[in-house]
């Protein structure tokens, strides 16, 4: 049976490799969300949410 989880995410205002690297150092995981027919979204999730 499938399990569903609700994750707390944040909008990511800064994009690029250097900002992604600094977010990872702070314990955040940068996410790029793509869906057909919609604009992509840059998001952040706390690393603790996934452990």
C-alpha atoms as a PDB file:
ATOM      1  CA  UNK A   1       0.000   0.000   0.000  1.00  0.00           C
ATOM      2  CA  UNK A   2       1.313   3.457  -0.869  1.00  0.00           C
ATOM      3  CA  UNK A   3       2.303   5.953   1.799  1.00  0.00           C
ATOM      4  CA  UNK A   4       2.051   9.700   1.361  1.00  0.00           C
ATOM      5  CA  UNK A   5       4.086  12.343   3.142  1.00  0.00           C
ATOM      6  CA  UNK A   6       3.612  16.087   3.356  1.00  0.00           C
ATOM      7  CA  UNK A   7       6.919  17.947   3.035  1.00  0.00           C
ATOM      8  CA  UNK A   8       7.624  21.519   4.088  1.00  0.00           C
ATOM      9  CA  UNK A   9       9.190  23.359   1.153  1.00  0.00           C
ATOM     10  CA  UNK A  10      10.310  26.945   0.600  1.00  0.00           C
ATOM     11  CA  UNK A  11      10.646  29.092  -2.496  1.00  0.00           C
ATOM     12  CA  UNK A  12      14.236  29.563  -3.574  1.00  0.00           C
ATOM     13  CA  UNK A  13      14.935  33.140  -4.631  1.00  0.00           C
ATOM     14  CA  UNK A  14      18.600  32.760  -5.600  1.00  0.00           C
ATOM     15  CA  UNK A  15      19.525  30.410  -8.424  1.00  0.00           C
ATOM     16  CA  UNK A  16      22.866  29.155  -9.703  1.00  0.00           C
ATOM     17  CA  UNK A  17      25.552  26.745  -8.624  1.00  0.00           C
ATOM     18  CA  UNK A  18      27.162  28.978  -5.978  1.00  0.00           C
ATOM     19  CA  UNK A  19      23.865  29.686  -4.223  1.00  0.00           C
ATOM     20  CA  UNK A  20      22.939  25.987  -4.406  1.00  0.00           C
ATOM     21  CA  UNK A  21      26.274  25.076  -2.839  1.00  0.00           C
ATOM     22  CA  UNK A  22      25.763  27.535   0.026  1.00  0.00           C
ATOM     23  CA  UNK A  23      22.234  26.222   0.619  1.00  0.00           C
ATOM     24  CA  UNK A  24      23.599  22.661   0.862  1.00  0.00           C
ATOM     25  CA  UNK A  25      26.131  23.837   3.461  1.00  0.00           C
ATOM     26  CA  UNK A  26      23.197  25.226   5.485  1.00  0.00           C
ATOM     27  CA  UNK A  27      21.431  21.848   5.395  1.00  0.00           C
ATOM     28  CA  UNK A  28      18.959  22.711   2.635  1.00  0.00           C
ATOM     29  CA  UNK A  29      18.458  20.740  -0.573  1.00  0.00           C
ATOM     30  CA  UNK A  30      17.797  22.756  -3.756  1.00  0.00           C
ATOM     31  CA  UNK A  31      14.999  21.358  -5.917  1.00  0.00           C
ATOM     32  CA  UNK A  32      13.890  22.136  -9.462  1.00  0.00           C
ATOM     33  CA  UNK A  33      10.236  21.217  -9.960  1.00  0.00           C
ATOM     34  CA  UNK A  34       9.103  20.628 -13.542  1.00  0.00           C
ATOM     35  CA  UNK A  35       5.606  19.734 -14.702  1.00  0.00           C
ATOM     36  CA  UNK A  36       4.221  19.551 -18.221  1.00  0.00           C
ATOM     37  CA  UNK A  37       2.437  22.750 -19.204  1.00  0.00           C
ATOM     38  CA  UNK A  38       3.648  24.762 -16.189  1.00  0.00           C
ATOM     39  CA  UNK A  39       6.643  26.958 -15.464  1.00  0.00           C
ATOM     40  CA  UNK A  40       9.420  25.340 -13.471  1.00  0.00           C
ATOM     41  CA  UNK A  41       9.794  26.254  -9.794  1.00  0.00           C
ATOM     42  CA  UNK A  42      12.979  26.567  -7.755  1.00  0.00           C
ATOM     43  CA  UNK A  43      12.413  25.247  -4.255  1.00  0.00           C
ATOM     44  CA  UNK A  44      14.275  24.317  -1.072  1.00  0.00           C
ATOM     45  CA  UNK A  45      13.666  21.497   1.352  1.00  0.00           C
ATOM     46  CA  UNK A  46      15.308  20.993   4.725  1.00  0.00           C
ATOM     47  CA  UNK A  47      17.578  17.944   4.720  1.00  0.00           C
ATOM     48  CA  UNK A  48      16.049  16.801   8.024  1.00  0.00           C
ATOM     49  CA  UNK A  49      12.673  16.333   6.283  1.00  0.00           C
ATOM     50  CA  UNK A  50      14.084  13.407   4.297  1.00  0.00           C
ATOM     51  CA  UNK A  51      15.813  11.549   7.153  1.00  0.00           C
END
